[in-house]
Protein backbone atom coordinates (compact mmCIF):
# COMPACT_ATOMS: atom_id res chain seq x y z
CA MET A 1 5.52 23.80 112.37
CA ALA A 2 3.11 25.22 109.31
CA THR A 3 2.71 25.09 105.80
CA VAL A 4 3.82 28.03 103.79
CA THR A 5 3.77 28.84 100.21
CA ILE A 6 6.51 30.81 98.65
CA ILE A 7 6.13 32.16 95.14
CA SER A 8 9.28 32.66 92.88
CA ASP A 9 9.26 31.36 89.33
CA GLU A 10 6.62 28.86 90.64
CA ALA A 11 4.46 28.39 93.67
CA ARG A 12 6.01 26.01 96.37
CA THR A 13 4.39 24.87 99.37
CA VAL A 14 6.62 23.73 102.13
CA ASP A 15 7.07 23.07 105.98
CA GLY A 16 7.91 26.57 107.64
CA ALA A 17 6.72 29.11 109.99
CA ALA A 18 5.38 32.56 109.81
CA ALA A 19 4.78 34.89 112.44
CA GLY A 20 4.92 38.84 112.73
CA ASP A 21 6.67 39.97 109.56
CA ARG A 22 8.77 36.99 109.10
CA MET A 23 8.73 33.51 107.44
CA THR A 24 11.44 31.11 108.53
CA LEU A 25 12.18 27.51 107.24
CA ASP A 26 14.84 24.84 108.11
CA ALA A 27 18.00 25.32 105.98
CA GLU A 28 17.12 21.67 104.35
CA ARG A 29 13.80 23.14 103.35
CA LEU A 30 15.52 25.78 101.11
CA PRO A 31 15.75 23.81 98.03
CA ASP A 32 12.06 22.86 98.02
CA ALA A 33 11.24 26.27 98.54
CA VAL A 34 13.13 28.57 96.22
CA GLY A 35 15.47 26.09 94.32
CA TRP A 36 18.63 27.37 96.07
CA GLN A 37 20.65 25.54 98.60
CA LEU A 38 22.81 27.02 101.41
CA LYS A 39 26.27 25.70 101.00
CA PRO A 40 29.68 26.73 102.80
CA GLU A 41 30.38 28.79 99.43
CA GLY A 42 27.14 30.62 99.64
CA LEU A 43 23.75 30.26 98.11
CA CYS A 44 23.96 27.75 95.17
CA GLN A 45 21.64 26.55 92.40
CA ALA A 46 23.10 24.00 89.94
CA ASP A 47 26.47 25.53 89.05
CA VAL A 48 25.97 28.97 90.12
CA CYS A 49 26.96 30.16 93.71
CA VAL A 50 26.22 33.67 95.28
CA PRO A 51 28.53 34.35 98.07
CA VAL A 52 27.02 35.40 101.37
CA ARG A 53 29.27 37.88 103.38
CA ASP A 54 27.24 37.50 106.71
CA ARG A 55 25.79 33.87 106.95
CA ASP A 56 24.41 34.58 110.39
CA ALA A 57 22.23 37.40 108.97
CA LEU A 58 20.11 34.81 107.02
CA PHE A 59 19.08 33.18 110.25
CA VAL A 60 16.47 33.79 112.88
CA ASP A 61 16.47 31.52 116.01
CA GLY A 62 18.39 28.89 113.99
CA ARG A 63 16.15 28.83 110.98
CA LEU A 64 16.36 30.53 107.57
CA ASP A 65 14.55 33.98 106.91
CA VAL A 66 13.02 33.72 103.77
CA ALA A 67 13.32 37.53 103.08
CA ALA A 68 16.76 37.60 104.08
CA VAL A 69 17.70 34.69 101.69
CA ALA A 70 15.92 36.77 98.92
CA GLY A 71 18.05 39.97 99.81
CA ALA A 72 21.25 37.92 99.73
CA LEU A 73 20.32 37.00 96.24
CA GLY A 74 19.68 40.40 95.20
CA ARG A 75 16.02 40.12 95.10
CA ALA A 76 13.26 41.80 96.52
CA ALA A 77 10.61 39.93 98.59
CA VAL A 78 7.30 40.38 100.40
CA VAL A 79 5.99 38.31 103.21
CA ASP A 80 2.30 38.13 104.35
CA ALA A 81 3.08 35.94 107.40
CA ALA A 82 -0.76 36.03 108.39
CA ALA A 83 -1.48 34.35 105.00
CA GLY A 84 1.47 32.20 105.07
CA ILE A 85 2.73 33.52 101.81
CA ALA A 86 5.86 35.08 100.52
CA ALA A 87 6.89 36.35 97.01
CA ILE A 88 10.36 36.73 95.75
CA ALA A 89 11.08 38.90 92.65
CA ASN A 90 12.91 37.74 89.81
CA ASP A 91 16.65 39.01 89.60
CA ALA A 92 17.20 42.61 88.45
CA GLU A 93 18.62 41.52 85.08
CA THR A 94 15.50 39.23 84.17
CA ARG A 95 13.18 42.18 85.20
CA ARG A 96 15.20 44.63 83.16
CA GLN A 97 14.94 42.31 79.84
CA ALA A 98 11.36 41.73 80.52
CA LEU A 99 10.67 45.56 80.69
CA ASP A 100 12.82 46.08 77.56
CA GLY A 101 11.27 43.43 75.75
CA LEU A 102 7.66 43.94 76.91
CA GLN A 103 7.68 40.16 77.68
CA ALA A 104 6.44 38.81 81.26
CA PRO A 105 8.77 36.30 82.54
CA ASP A 106 7.09 32.75 82.52
CA PHE A 107 5.83 31.74 85.79
CA THR A 108 3.17 29.18 87.20
CA LEU A 109 -0.07 29.80 89.14
CA ASN A 110 -2.66 27.45 90.21
CA ASP A 111 -6.06 27.88 88.83
CA LEU A 112 -9.37 28.01 91.29
CA ASP A 113 -9.18 24.10 91.06
CA GLY A 114 -5.72 23.81 92.04
CA ASN A 115 -4.41 22.88 88.61
CA PRO A 116 -1.14 24.49 87.67
CA HIS A 117 -0.85 26.74 84.62
CA ARG A 118 2.19 28.22 83.20
CA LEU A 119 1.91 31.75 81.53
CA SER A 120 3.58 30.45 78.21
CA GLU A 121 0.62 28.02 77.79
CA TRP A 122 -1.50 31.15 76.73
CA HIS A 123 1.10 32.45 74.13
CA GLY A 124 -0.84 34.44 71.60
CA LYS A 125 -3.95 34.49 73.60
CA LYS A 126 -5.41 37.15 75.30
CA ARG A 127 -5.63 36.46 79.49
CA LEU A 128 -6.58 38.91 82.46
CA LEU A 129 -4.46 38.38 85.68
CA ALA A 130 -5.95 40.05 88.44
CA ALA A 131 -3.57 40.93 91.43
CA PHE A 132 -4.23 42.75 94.32
CA ALA A 133 -2.51 43.46 97.92
CA SER A 134 -4.23 44.02 101.25
CA TRP A 135 -2.12 46.69 102.36
């Protein structure tokens, strides 16, 4: 078991495993990782549940596949298993509203010293966010 980081509305570090092109975790770690919980009625967060037709498709060797969970929620995901990092996109409606309103959704990232900062902290101030991909 290793420590993995999953970035969705915030970056969260949990116990998981990353190998090949997959990141997996035990089902009980899912709420800590992405804020959703796997229940008999589907993937649930607070009073919202998304039905899952093929529950078995979420699992690989008895563990939840992070990308499969994201797909079941209708979200895109990218996994860099070598770095132990996965990113899960916002849902389509949130992305559409952000594009229409020209507003980035609020998110949290750590600075170089490990201190968390939300985008909303810098409202009205100019900031440069540099992002890159190794592929």
